[in-house]
Amino acid sequence: MDYSWLDILAASAALLGVWMCGVIRIRTLLAGLALQVAAMAGITLYIGLVTHVTHFLILAVVVLLVKAIAIPWYLAWAAKQLETREDRGVTVAPTLTMIIGLAILATCYFGASFIAVPSLGNVGAAGMAAALVLLGMLLMIGRRLAISQVIGFLMMENGIFLYGLTQTPGMPMLVEMGVIFDVLVGVLVSGLVIFRLNRSFEHIDVTQFRGLRH
């Protein structure tokens, strides 16, 4: 079977997601997120070159600058200010999380035909998009630090972005740009909330907030 660059980049992004499920160092998680988004930018660039649509080329640059550089840098800065280096309070062991992630990846790969749009021919990318969404959910469930959960949310968003990019004929550029900047604003607000929580409770372990109900 022949694979295009789109399939290779989508698979690379999903494999990075599985690897990130086994990582507890925040800076390493952010590096993985940046590489994953760079793969998204590569897919956008590839589609733009193949279809000769200029706005995909512009979108690829925006994705690279905002989601692969600006957002990881901001979260790394926030982690440094909070003196947070590792997420040791995981609710699921990293090794077990990776095994579950591999099972998710395999399931999505073999079940891709059920969620893909046949007329567009990007069946493999549909499976990888679904895998990214589920892997992001797994990361959010298995981690206790707020920053790790924000990274999981961003991985889910990468999956939604990949699905929309490869399984639709194309959205208007203003809509795509609006989604990207909505994500940027969401991350900035999340950072402010994390700082507020850290100042109020002296930690950003979300499981400790259960005590507020007593």
N, C-alpha and C. Protein backbone atom coordinates (compact mmCIF):
# COMPACT_ATOMS: atom_id res chain seq x y z
N MET A 1 0.85 -1.19 0.00
CA MET A 1 0.00 0.00 0.00
C MET A 1 0.88 1.24 0.00
N ASP A 2 0.53 2.21 -0.85
CA ASP A 2 1.30 3.45 -0.92
C ASP A 2 0.73 4.47 0.07
N TYR A 3 1.65 5.17 0.73
CA TYR A 3 1.25 6.19 1.68
C TYR A 3 1.75 7.55 1.21
N SER A 4 0.90 8.56 1.32
CA SER A 4 1.30 9.91 0.94
C SER A 4 1.95 10.60 2.14
N TRP A 5 2.51 11.77 1.87
CA TRP A 5 3.09 12.55 2.97
C TRP A 5 2.03 12.91 4.00
N LEU A 6 0.80 13.10 3.55
CA LEU A 6 -0.28 13.40 4.47
C LEU A 6 -0.47 12.26 5.47
N ASP A 7 -0.49 11.02 4.97
CA ASP A 7 -0.66 9.86 5.85
C ASP A 7 0.51 9.72 6.81
N ILE A 8 1.73 9.95 6.30
CA ILE A 8 2.93 9.82 7.13
C ILE A 8 2.94 10.85 8.25
N LEU A 9 2.61 12.10 7.91
CA LEU A 9 2.60 13.16 8.92
C LEU A 9 1.48 12.93 9.94
N ALA A 10 0.32 12.47 9.48
CA ALA A 10 -0.79 12.20 10.40
C ALA A 10 -0.42 11.07 11.36
N ALA A 11 0.21 10.01 10.83
CA ALA A 11 0.64 8.89 11.68
C ALA A 11 1.71 9.34 12.66
N SER A 12 2.61 10.21 12.22
CA SER A 12 3.66 10.73 13.11
C SER A 12 3.06 11.50 14.27
N ALA A 13 2.04 12.33 13.96
CA ALA A 13 1.37 13.10 15.02
C ALA A 13 0.69 12.17 16.03
N ALA A 14 0.05 11.11 15.54
CA ALA A 14 -0.62 10.16 16.44
C ALA A 14 0.38 9.40 17.29
N LEU A 15 1.50 8.98 16.69
CA LEU A 15 2.54 8.28 17.45
C LEU A 15 3.15 9.19 18.51
N LEU A 16 3.32 10.47 18.19
CA LEU A 16 3.79 11.42 19.19
C LEU A 16 2.80 11.51 20.35
N GLY A 17 1.49 11.43 20.02
CA GLY A 17 0.48 11.45 21.07
C GLY A 17 0.59 10.26 22.01
N VAL A 18 0.86 9.08 21.45
CA VAL A 18 1.06 7.88 22.28
C VAL A 18 2.28 8.06 23.16
N TRP A 19 3.37 8.55 22.58
CA TRP A 19 4.60 8.78 23.35
C TRP A 19 4.38 9.78 24.47
N MET A 20 3.62 10.85 24.20
CA MET A 20 3.36 11.87 25.21
C MET A 20 2.58 11.31 26.40
N CYS A 21 1.78 10.28 26.16
CA CYS A 21 1.03 9.66 27.26
C CYS A 21 1.95 9.02 28.30
N GLY A 22 3.19 8.72 27.91
CA GLY A 22 4.14 8.11 28.84
C GLY A 22 5.15 9.08 29.40
N VAL A 23 4.98 10.38 29.11
CA VAL A 23 5.94 11.41 29.55
C VAL A 23 5.38 12.16 30.74
N ILE A 24 6.23 12.43 31.73
CA ILE A 24 5.77 13.20 32.89
C ILE A 24 6.46 14.57 33.00
N ARG A 25 7.58 14.78 32.30
CA ARG A 25 8.25 16.07 32.33
C ARG A 25 7.47 17.07 31.47
N ILE A 26 7.15 18.21 32.07
CA ILE A 26 6.32 19.21 31.40
C ILE A 26 7.00 19.74 30.13
N ARG A 27 8.30 20.06 30.21
CA ARG A 27 8.99 20.61 29.05
C ARG A 27 9.05 19.59 27.91
N THR A 28 9.19 18.31 28.26
CA THR A 28 9.21 17.27 27.23
C THR A 28 7.83 17.12 26.60
N LEU A 29 6.78 17.21 27.42
CA LEU A 29 5.41 17.18 26.91
C LEU A 29 5.18 18.32 25.93
N LEU A 30 5.67 19.51 26.28
CA LEU A 30 5.48 20.68 25.42
C LEU A 30 6.27 20.54 24.13
N ALA A 31 7.46 19.92 24.20
CA ALA A 31 8.24 19.67 22.99
C ALA A 31 7.49 18.72 22.07
N GLY A 32 6.88 17.67 22.66
CA GLY A 32 6.08 16.74 21.88
C GLY A 32 4.88 17.43 21.24
N LEU A 33 4.24 18.33 22.00
CA LEU A 33 3.10 19.08 21.47
C LEU A 33 3.52 19.95 20.29
N ALA A 34 4.68 20.62 20.44
CA ALA A 34 5.18 21.48 19.35
C ALA A 34 5.45 20.67 18.09
N LEU A 35 6.05 19.49 18.24
CA LEU A 35 6.32 18.63 17.09
C LEU A 35 5.02 18.13 16.46
N GLN A 36 4.05 17.83 17.30
CA GLN A 36 2.75 17.36 16.80
C GLN A 36 2.07 18.45 15.97
N VAL A 37 2.11 19.67 16.48
CA VAL A 37 1.51 20.78 15.74
C VAL A 37 2.30 21.07 14.47
N ALA A 38 3.63 20.91 14.53
CA ALA A 38 4.43 21.08 13.32
C ALA A 38 4.00 20.09 12.24
N ALA A 39 3.64 18.88 12.65
CA ALA A 39 3.11 17.89 11.70
C ALA A 39 1.78 18.37 11.12
N MET A 40 0.93 18.99 11.96
CA MET A 40 -0.33 19.56 11.46
C MET A 40 -0.06 20.65 10.43
N ALA A 41 0.94 21.50 10.72
CA ALA A 41 1.31 22.55 9.77
C ALA A 41 1.83 21.94 8.47
N GLY A 42 2.60 20.85 8.59
CA GLY A 42 3.10 20.16 7.40
C GLY A 42 1.98 19.59 6.55
N ILE A 43 0.96 19.04 7.20
CA ILE A 43 -0.20 18.51 6.47
C ILE A 43 -0.94 19.64 5.76
N THR A 44 -1.10 20.76 6.46
CA THR A 44 -1.77 21.92 5.85
C THR A 44 -0.99 22.42 4.64
N LEU A 45 0.33 22.48 4.78
CA LEU A 45 1.19 22.91 3.68
C LEU A 45 1.09 21.95 2.50
N TYR A 46 1.09 20.65 2.82
CA TYR A 46 1.00 19.63 1.77
C TYR A 46 -0.31 19.77 0.99
N ILE A 47 -1.42 19.95 1.70
CA ILE A 47 -2.72 20.11 1.04
C ILE A 47 -2.72 21.36 0.17
N GLY A 48 -2.11 22.44 0.69
CA GLY A 48 -2.04 23.67 -0.09
C GLY A 48 -1.25 23.51 -1.38
N LEU A 49 -0.14 22.76 -1.30
CA LEU A 49 0.69 22.55 -2.48
C LEU A 49 0.00 21.64 -3.50
N VAL A 50 -0.70 20.62 -2.99
CA VAL A 50 -1.38 19.68 -3.90
C VAL A 50 -2.59 20.32 -4.57
N THR A 51 -3.35 21.09 -3.80
CA THR A 51 -4.59 21.69 -4.34
C THR A 51 -4.36 23.06 -4.97
N HIS A 52 -3.16 23.62 -4.74
CA HIS A 52 -2.82 24.97 -5.27
C HIS A 52 -3.76 26.04 -4.71
N VAL A 53 -4.14 25.86 -3.44
CA VAL A 53 -4.99 26.84 -2.76
C VAL A 53 -4.11 27.65 -1.81
N THR A 54 -4.02 28.95 -2.06
CA THR A 54 -3.08 29.80 -1.32
C THR A 54 -3.39 29.88 0.16
N HIS A 55 -4.67 29.90 0.52
CA HIS A 55 -5.00 30.12 1.93
C HIS A 55 -4.54 28.97 2.82
N PHE A 56 -4.36 27.77 2.27
CA PHE A 56 -3.80 26.68 3.07
C PHE A 56 -2.33 26.96 3.41
N LEU A 57 -1.62 27.60 2.52
CA LEU A 57 -0.23 27.95 2.77
C LEU A 57 -0.13 28.99 3.89
N ILE A 58 -1.04 29.97 3.85
CA ILE A 58 -1.07 30.98 4.90
C ILE A 58 -1.46 30.34 6.23
N LEU A 59 -2.44 29.44 6.18
CA LEU A 59 -2.89 28.76 7.39
C LEU A 59 -1.77 27.93 8.01
N ALA A 60 -0.96 27.28 7.18
CA ALA A 60 0.16 26.48 7.67
C ALA A 60 1.15 27.35 8.46
N VAL A 61 1.42 28.55 7.95
CA VAL A 61 2.33 29.47 8.65
C VAL A 61 1.74 29.91 9.98
N VAL A 62 0.44 30.24 9.98
CA VAL A 62 -0.22 30.68 11.22
C VAL A 62 -0.23 29.56 12.25
N VAL A 63 -0.54 28.34 11.82
CA VAL A 63 -0.54 27.19 12.73
C VAL A 63 0.84 27.00 13.34
N LEU A 64 1.88 27.11 12.52
CA LEU A 64 3.25 26.92 13.01
C LEU A 64 3.62 27.99 14.02
N LEU A 65 3.30 29.25 13.72
CA LEU A 65 3.71 30.34 14.60
C LEU A 65 2.91 30.37 15.89
N VAL A 66 1.59 30.16 15.78
CA VAL A 66 0.73 30.29 16.97
C VAL A 66 0.72 29.03 17.81
N LYS A 67 0.46 27.88 17.18
CA LYS A 67 0.23 26.66 17.94
C LYS A 67 1.50 25.84 18.19
N ALA A 68 2.50 25.97 17.31
CA ALA A 68 3.73 25.19 17.51
C ALA A 68 4.81 25.97 18.23
N ILE A 69 4.72 27.31 18.21
CA ILE A 69 5.77 28.12 18.85
C ILE A 69 5.22 28.94 20.01
N ALA A 70 4.21 29.78 19.74
CA ALA A 70 3.73 30.71 20.77
C ALA A 70 3.09 30.00 21.96
N ILE A 71 2.17 29.07 21.71
CA ILE A 71 1.47 28.41 22.81
C ILE A 71 2.40 27.54 23.65
N PRO A 72 3.25 26.66 23.06
CA PRO A 72 4.18 25.89 23.89
C PRO A 72 5.14 26.79 24.68
N TRP A 73 5.59 27.89 24.06
CA TRP A 73 6.49 28.81 24.77
C TRP A 73 5.77 29.41 25.97
N TYR A 74 4.53 29.82 25.79
CA TYR A 74 3.77 30.42 26.89
C TYR A 74 3.56 29.42 28.02
N LEU A 75 3.20 28.19 27.68
CA LEU A 75 2.98 27.18 28.71
C LEU A 75 4.28 26.81 29.41
N ALA A 76 5.39 26.80 28.66
CA ALA A 76 6.70 26.53 29.28
C ALA A 76 7.06 27.65 30.25
N TRP A 77 6.78 28.87 29.86
CA TRP A 77 7.03 30.02 30.74
C TRP A 77 6.17 29.93 31.99
N ALA A 78 4.89 29.56 31.81
CA ALA A 78 3.99 29.42 32.96
C ALA A 78 4.48 28.33 33.91
N ALA A 79 4.92 27.20 33.34
CA ALA A 79 5.42 26.09 34.17
C ALA A 79 6.66 26.52 34.95
N LYS A 80 7.52 27.31 34.30
CA LYS A 80 8.73 27.80 34.97
C LYS A 80 8.38 28.74 36.11
N GLN A 81 7.42 29.64 35.88
CA GLN A 81 7.00 30.57 36.93
C GLN A 81 6.39 29.84 38.12
N LEU A 82 5.70 28.75 37.83
CA LEU A 82 5.06 27.96 38.90
C LEU A 82 6.00 26.92 39.49
N GLU A 83 7.24 26.88 38.94
CA GLU A 83 8.26 25.90 39.39
C GLU A 83 7.72 24.47 39.28
N THR A 84 7.06 24.20 38.16
CA THR A 84 6.49 22.89 37.90
C THR A 84 7.32 22.22 36.81
N ARG A 85 8.01 21.14 37.15
CA ARG A 85 8.86 20.46 36.18
C ARG A 85 8.28 19.11 35.73
N GLU A 86 7.62 18.42 36.66
CA GLU A 86 7.11 17.10 36.34
C GLU A 86 5.70 16.93 36.89
N ASP A 87 4.94 16.06 36.24
CA ASP A 87 3.60 15.71 36.72
C ASP A 87 3.70 14.31 37.33
N ARG A 88 4.13 14.26 38.59
CA ARG A 88 4.32 12.97 39.26
C ARG A 88 3.03 12.42 39.85
N GLY A 89 2.02 13.25 39.95
CA GLY A 89 0.76 12.80 40.54
C GLY A 89 -0.19 12.22 39.52
N VAL A 90 0.32 11.36 38.65
CA VAL A 90 -0.54 10.79 37.61
C VAL A 90 -1.53 9.82 38.24
N THR A 91 -2.75 9.79 37.70
CA THR A 91 -3.76 8.87 38.20
C THR A 91 -3.64 7.49 37.55
N VAL A 92 -3.01 7.44 36.38
CA VAL A 92 -2.74 6.17 35.69
C VAL A 92 -1.25 6.12 35.38
N ALA A 93 -0.59 5.00 35.67
CA ALA A 93 0.84 4.88 35.45
C ALA A 93 1.19 5.19 34.00
N PRO A 94 2.28 5.94 33.74
CA PRO A 94 2.66 6.31 32.37
C PRO A 94 2.80 5.12 31.43
N THR A 95 3.40 4.02 31.91
CA THR A 95 3.57 2.84 31.06
C THR A 95 2.22 2.27 30.65
N LEU A 96 1.31 2.16 31.62
CA LEU A 96 -0.03 1.65 31.33
C LEU A 96 -0.77 2.60 30.38
N THR A 97 -0.57 3.90 30.58
CA THR A 97 -1.21 4.88 29.71
C THR A 97 -0.73 4.72 28.27
N MET A 98 0.56 4.47 28.08
CA MET A 98 1.10 4.26 26.74
C MET A 98 0.51 3.00 26.09
N ILE A 99 0.36 1.94 26.87
CA ILE A 99 -0.22 0.70 26.35
C ILE A 99 -1.66 0.94 25.90
N ILE A 100 -2.41 1.67 26.74
CA ILE A 100 -3.78 2.01 26.37
C ILE A 100 -3.78 2.87 25.11
N GLY A 101 -2.81 3.80 25.04
CA GLY A 101 -2.69 4.67 23.87
C GLY A 101 -2.42 3.88 22.60
N LEU A 102 -1.56 2.88 22.68
CA LEU A 102 -1.28 2.02 21.52
C LEU A 102 -2.53 1.26 21.10
N ALA A 103 -3.31 0.79 22.08
CA ALA A 103 -4.57 0.09 21.76
C ALA A 103 -5.54 1.04 21.06
N ILE A 104 -5.60 2.28 21.53
CA ILE A 104 -6.46 3.28 20.89
C ILE A 104 -6.01 3.53 19.46
N LEU A 105 -4.70 3.67 19.27
CA LEU A 105 -4.15 3.93 17.94
C LEU A 105 -4.47 2.79 16.98
N ALA A 106 -4.29 1.55 17.43
CA ALA A 106 -4.57 0.39 16.58
C ALA A 106 -6.06 0.32 16.24
N THR A 107 -6.91 0.56 17.23
CA THR A 107 -8.36 0.51 17.00
C THR A 107 -8.79 1.56 15.98
N CYS A 108 -8.25 2.78 16.12
CA CYS A 108 -8.61 3.86 15.20
C CYS A 108 -8.06 3.60 13.81
N TYR A 109 -6.88 2.97 13.73
CA TYR A 109 -6.29 2.67 12.42
C TYR A 109 -7.17 1.68 11.66
N PHE A 110 -7.57 0.60 12.32
CA PHE A 110 -8.37 -0.43 11.64
C PHE A 110 -9.83 -0.03 11.48
N GLY A 111 -10.28 0.94 12.29
CA GLY A 111 -11.68 1.38 12.17
C GLY A 111 -11.84 2.69 11.43
N ALA A 112 -10.76 3.13 10.79
CA ALA A 112 -10.79 4.44 10.12
C ALA A 112 -11.84 4.53 9.03
N SER A 113 -12.08 3.43 8.35
CA SER A 113 -13.03 3.45 7.22
C SER A 113 -14.45 3.79 7.67
N PHE A 114 -14.77 3.58 8.95
CA PHE A 114 -16.12 3.84 9.45
C PHE A 114 -16.38 5.31 9.70
N ILE A 115 -15.30 6.11 9.86
CA ILE A 115 -15.48 7.53 10.17
C ILE A 115 -14.94 8.44 9.06
N ALA A 116 -14.31 7.85 8.04
CA ALA A 116 -13.75 8.65 6.96
C ALA A 116 -14.80 8.99 5.92
N VAL A 117 -14.53 10.04 5.15
CA VAL A 117 -15.37 10.42 4.02
C VAL A 117 -14.75 9.77 2.77
N PRO A 118 -15.35 8.71 2.24
CA PRO A 118 -14.73 7.94 1.15
C PRO A 118 -14.35 8.76 -0.07
N SER A 119 -15.16 9.75 -0.40
CA SER A 119 -14.91 10.53 -1.61
C SER A 119 -13.63 11.35 -1.56
N LEU A 120 -13.14 11.63 -0.35
CA LEU A 120 -11.93 12.45 -0.22
C LEU A 120 -10.66 11.61 -0.19
N GLY A 121 -10.79 10.32 0.07
CA GLY A 121 -9.65 9.41 -0.01
C GLY A 121 -8.62 9.51 1.09
N ASN A 122 -8.93 10.19 2.19
CA ASN A 122 -7.97 10.33 3.30
C ASN A 122 -8.39 9.46 4.48
N VAL A 123 -8.53 8.17 4.22
CA VAL A 123 -9.04 7.26 5.25
C VAL A 123 -8.09 7.16 6.43
N GLY A 124 -6.81 7.00 6.15
CA GLY A 124 -5.82 6.87 7.24
C GLY A 124 -5.79 8.09 8.13
N ALA A 125 -5.87 9.28 7.53
CA ALA A 125 -5.84 10.52 8.30
C ALA A 125 -7.05 10.62 9.23
N ALA A 126 -8.21 10.10 8.79
CA ALA A 126 -9.41 10.12 9.64
C ALA A 126 -9.18 9.29 10.89
N GLY A 127 -8.57 8.12 10.73
CA GLY A 127 -8.27 7.27 11.88
C GLY A 127 -7.30 7.93 12.84
N MET A 128 -6.26 8.59 12.28
CA MET A 128 -5.27 9.26 13.13
C MET A 128 -5.89 10.46 13.85
N ALA A 129 -6.83 11.14 13.19
CA ALA A 129 -7.52 12.27 13.83
C ALA A 129 -8.33 11.79 15.03
N ALA A 130 -9.06 10.68 14.84
CA ALA A 130 -9.84 10.12 15.95
C ALA A 130 -8.92 9.68 17.08
N ALA A 131 -7.77 9.11 16.72
CA ALA A 131 -6.80 8.67 17.74
C ALA A 131 -6.30 9.85 18.56
N LEU A 132 -6.02 10.98 17.90
CA LEU A 132 -5.54 12.16 18.61
C LEU A 132 -6.58 12.68 19.60
N VAL A 133 -7.84 12.67 19.18
CA VAL A 133 -8.91 13.13 20.08
C VAL A 133 -8.97 12.23 21.32
N LEU A 134 -8.95 10.93 21.11
CA LEU A 134 -9.03 9.98 22.24
C LEU A 134 -7.77 10.00 23.10
N LEU A 135 -6.61 10.17 22.46
CA LEU A 135 -5.36 10.25 23.22
C LEU A 135 -5.32 11.51 24.07
N GLY A 136 -5.85 12.61 23.54
CA GLY A 136 -5.94 13.84 24.32
C GLY A 136 -6.84 13.66 25.53
N MET A 137 -7.97 12.96 25.33
CA MET A 137 -8.86 12.67 26.46
C MET A 137 -8.17 11.79 27.49
N LEU A 138 -7.40 10.80 27.01
CA LEU A 138 -6.68 9.90 27.91
C LEU A 138 -5.66 10.67 28.73
N LEU A 139 -4.96 11.60 28.08
CA LEU A 139 -3.96 12.41 28.79
C LEU A 139 -4.63 13.28 29.85
N MET A 140 -5.78 13.83 29.52
CA MET A 140 -6.48 14.67 30.49
C MET A 140 -6.97 13.85 31.69
N ILE A 141 -7.46 12.63 31.41
CA ILE A 141 -7.97 11.78 32.49
C ILE A 141 -6.84 11.27 33.38
N GLY A 142 -5.69 10.96 32.76
CA GLY A 142 -4.61 10.33 33.49
C GLY A 142 -3.67 11.26 34.21
N ARG A 143 -3.85 12.56 34.08
CA ARG A 143 -2.95 13.53 34.72
C ARG A 143 -3.69 14.38 35.73
N ARG A 144 -2.93 14.87 36.70
CA ARG A 144 -3.53 15.65 37.77
C ARG A 144 -3.18 17.13 37.70
N LEU A 145 -2.04 17.50 37.08
CA LEU A 145 -1.67 18.91 37.00
C LEU A 145 -2.49 19.62 35.93
N ALA A 146 -2.87 20.85 36.23
CA ALA A 146 -3.70 21.61 35.30
C ALA A 146 -2.99 21.83 33.97
N ILE A 147 -1.67 22.07 33.99
CA ILE A 147 -0.92 22.30 32.75
C ILE A 147 -0.96 21.06 31.87
N SER A 148 -0.80 19.88 32.46
CA SER A 148 -0.86 18.63 31.68
C SER A 148 -2.23 18.47 31.04
N GLN A 149 -3.27 18.87 31.75
CA GLN A 149 -4.62 18.74 31.21
C GLN A 149 -4.86 19.74 30.08
N VAL A 150 -4.24 20.91 30.16
CA VAL A 150 -4.32 21.86 29.05
C VAL A 150 -3.64 21.27 27.81
N ILE A 151 -2.50 20.60 28.01
CA ILE A 151 -1.81 19.95 26.89
C ILE A 151 -2.68 18.86 26.28
N GLY A 152 -3.38 18.09 27.13
CA GLY A 152 -4.30 17.08 26.63
C GLY A 152 -5.42 17.70 25.82
N PHE A 153 -5.93 18.83 26.28
CA PHE A 153 -6.98 19.54 25.53
C PHE A 153 -6.46 19.98 24.16
N LEU A 154 -5.23 20.48 24.12
CA LEU A 154 -4.64 20.92 22.85
C LEU A 154 -4.43 19.74 21.90
N MET A 155 -4.12 18.56 22.45
CA MET A 155 -3.99 17.38 21.60
C MET A 155 -5.35 17.01 21.00
N MET A 156 -6.39 17.10 21.80
CA MET A 156 -7.74 16.85 21.28
C MET A 156 -8.06 17.83 20.15
N GLU A 157 -7.70 19.08 20.35
CA GLU A 157 -7.96 20.10 19.33
C GLU A 157 -7.20 19.80 18.04
N ASN A 158 -5.97 19.25 18.19
CA ASN A 158 -5.19 18.86 17.01
C ASN A 158 -5.93 17.78 16.21
N GLY A 159 -6.55 16.84 16.94
CA GLY A 159 -7.31 15.79 16.28
C GLY A 159 -8.51 16.34 15.53
N ILE A 160 -9.22 17.27 16.16
CA ILE A 160 -10.39 17.89 15.51
C ILE A 160 -9.94 18.68 14.29
N PHE A 161 -8.83 19.40 14.43
CA PHE A 161 -8.29 20.19 13.32
C PHE A 161 -7.90 19.27 12.16
N LEU A 162 -7.24 18.14 12.48
CA LEU A 162 -6.83 17.20 11.43
C LEU A 162 -8.03 16.60 10.72
N TYR A 163 -9.06 16.27 11.47
CA TYR A 163 -10.25 15.69 10.85
C TYR A 163 -10.92 16.71 9.93
N GLY A 164 -11.08 17.92 10.42
CA GLY A 164 -11.71 18.95 9.59
C GLY A 164 -10.89 19.27 8.35
N LEU A 165 -9.56 19.18 8.50
CA LEU A 165 -8.66 19.51 7.38
C LEU A 165 -8.70 18.45 6.29
N THR A 166 -8.82 17.19 6.70
CA THR A 166 -8.71 16.09 5.72
C THR A 166 -10.03 15.46 5.32
N GLN A 167 -11.10 15.72 6.07
CA GLN A 167 -12.38 15.07 5.78
C GLN A 167 -13.45 16.04 5.30
N THR A 168 -13.07 17.27 5.01
CA THR A 168 -14.01 18.23 4.44
C THR A 168 -13.36 18.87 3.21
N PRO A 169 -14.17 19.37 2.29
CA PRO A 169 -13.60 20.03 1.11
C PRO A 169 -12.84 21.30 1.45
N GLY A 170 -13.00 21.80 2.66
CA GLY A 170 -12.28 23.01 3.05
C GLY A 170 -13.24 24.05 3.61
N MET A 171 -12.86 24.62 4.77
CA MET A 171 -13.67 25.67 5.37
C MET A 171 -13.14 27.03 4.94
N PRO A 172 -13.96 28.07 5.02
CA PRO A 172 -13.46 29.42 4.72
C PRO A 172 -12.28 29.77 5.62
N MET A 173 -11.34 30.52 5.09
CA MET A 173 -10.12 30.84 5.82
C MET A 173 -10.42 31.60 7.11
N LEU A 174 -11.41 32.49 7.09
CA LEU A 174 -11.73 33.25 8.29
C LEU A 174 -12.19 32.34 9.42
N VAL A 175 -12.93 31.29 9.09
CA VAL A 175 -13.38 30.33 10.11
C VAL A 175 -12.19 29.60 10.70
N GLU A 176 -11.26 29.14 9.84
CA GLU A 176 -10.09 28.40 10.31
C GLU A 176 -9.21 29.28 11.19
N MET A 177 -8.99 30.53 10.76
CA MET A 177 -8.19 31.46 11.57
C MET A 177 -8.88 31.76 12.89
N GLY A 178 -10.20 31.89 12.84
CA GLY A 178 -10.95 32.16 14.07
C GLY A 178 -10.80 31.05 15.08
N VAL A 179 -10.82 29.80 14.62
CA VAL A 179 -10.65 28.65 15.51
C VAL A 179 -9.28 28.68 16.16
N ILE A 180 -8.25 28.96 15.36
CA ILE A 180 -6.88 28.99 15.88
C ILE A 180 -6.73 30.05 16.96
N PHE A 181 -7.26 31.24 16.71
CA PHE A 181 -7.12 32.30 17.70
C PHE A 181 -8.04 32.09 18.90
N ASP A 182 -9.14 31.38 18.71
CA ASP A 182 -9.96 30.97 19.86
C ASP A 182 -9.16 30.04 20.77
N VAL A 183 -8.42 29.11 20.17
CA VAL A 183 -7.57 28.21 20.95
C VAL A 183 -6.51 29.01 21.69
N LEU A 184 -5.89 29.99 21.01
CA LEU A 184 -4.86 30.83 21.64
C LEU A 184 -5.43 31.56 22.85
N VAL A 185 -6.59 32.17 22.67
CA VAL A 185 -7.23 32.89 23.78
C VAL A 185 -7.58 31.93 24.91
N GLY A 186 -8.07 30.73 24.55
CA GLY A 186 -8.40 29.73 25.57
C GLY A 186 -7.18 29.33 26.39
N VAL A 187 -6.04 29.17 25.73
CA VAL A 187 -4.81 28.81 26.46
C VAL A 187 -4.37 29.95 27.36
N LEU A 188 -4.46 31.19 26.87
CA LEU A 188 -4.08 32.33 27.69
C LEU A 188 -4.97 32.44 28.93
N VAL A 189 -6.26 32.23 28.75
CA VAL A 189 -7.19 32.26 29.89
C VAL A 189 -6.88 31.12 30.85
N SER A 190 -6.58 29.93 30.29
CA SER A 190 -6.23 28.78 31.13
C SER A 190 -5.00 29.09 31.97
N GLY A 191 -4.01 29.76 31.35
CA GLY A 191 -2.81 30.14 32.08
C GLY A 191 -3.12 31.06 33.24
N LEU A 192 -4.00 32.04 33.00
CA LEU A 192 -4.38 32.96 34.07
C LEU A 192 -5.10 32.23 35.20
N VAL A 193 -5.98 31.29 34.82
CA VAL A 193 -6.70 30.50 35.84
C VAL A 193 -5.72 29.66 36.65
N ILE A 194 -4.74 29.06 35.98
CA ILE A 194 -3.74 28.24 36.67
C ILE A 194 -2.96 29.08 37.67
N PHE A 195 -2.55 30.28 37.24
CA PHE A 195 -1.84 31.18 38.16
C PHE A 195 -2.72 31.53 39.36
N ARG A 196 -3.97 31.78 39.11
CA ARG A 196 -4.91 32.12 40.18
C ARG A 196 -5.07 30.96 41.15
N LEU A 197 -5.22 29.75 40.61
CA LEU A 197 -5.36 28.57 41.47
C LEU A 197 -4.11 28.36 42.30
N ASN A 198 -2.94 28.54 41.67
CA ASN A 198 -1.69 28.34 42.39
C ASN A 198 -1.55 29.34 43.52
N ARG A 199 -1.97 30.57 43.28
CA ARG A 199 -1.87 31.61 44.31
C ARG A 199 -2.84 31.34 45.45
N SER A 200 -4.03 30.83 45.11
CA SER A 200 -5.06 30.62 46.13
C SER A 200 -4.86 29.34 46.92
N PHE A 201 -4.37 28.27 46.24
CA PHE A 201 -4.29 26.97 46.88
C PHE A 201 -2.87 26.43 47.01
N GLU A 202 -1.87 27.20 46.48
CA GLU A 202 -0.46 26.83 46.57
C GLU A 202 -0.14 25.54 45.83
N HIS A 203 -0.97 25.14 44.88
CA HIS A 203 -0.70 23.98 44.03
C HIS A 203 -1.64 24.05 42.84
N ILE A 204 -1.37 23.24 41.83
CA ILE A 204 -2.26 23.18 40.66
C ILE A 204 -2.66 21.73 40.41
N ASP A 205 -2.72 20.94 41.48
CA ASP A 205 -3.19 19.56 41.41
C ASP A 205 -4.71 19.58 41.48
N VAL A 206 -5.38 19.31 40.37
CA VAL A 206 -6.83 19.48 40.32
C VAL A 206 -7.58 18.50 41.22
N THR A 207 -6.98 17.37 41.55
CA THR A 207 -7.68 16.39 42.38
C THR A 207 -7.84 16.87 43.81
N GLN A 208 -6.99 17.83 44.21
CA GLN A 208 -7.07 18.34 45.58
C GLN A 208 -8.28 19.25 45.77
N PHE A 209 -8.90 19.69 44.67
CA PHE A 209 -10.04 20.59 44.80
C PHE A 209 -11.30 19.86 45.26
N ARG A 210 -11.24 18.50 45.31
CA ARG A 210 -12.40 17.76 45.81
C ARG A 210 -12.71 18.11 47.26
N GLY A 211 -11.68 18.55 47.97
CA GLY A 211 -11.89 18.90 49.38
C GLY A 211 -12.77 20.11 49.57
N LEU A 212 -12.98 20.90 48.50
CA LEU A 212 -13.80 22.10 48.62
C LEU A 212 -15.27 21.78 48.87
N ARG A 213 -15.69 20.54 48.56
CA ARG A 213 -17.10 20.21 48.74
C ARG A 213 -17.43 19.91 50.19
N HIS A 214 -16.41 19.73 51.02
CA HIS A 214 -16.66 19.41 52.42
C HIS A 214 -16.79 20.68 53.24
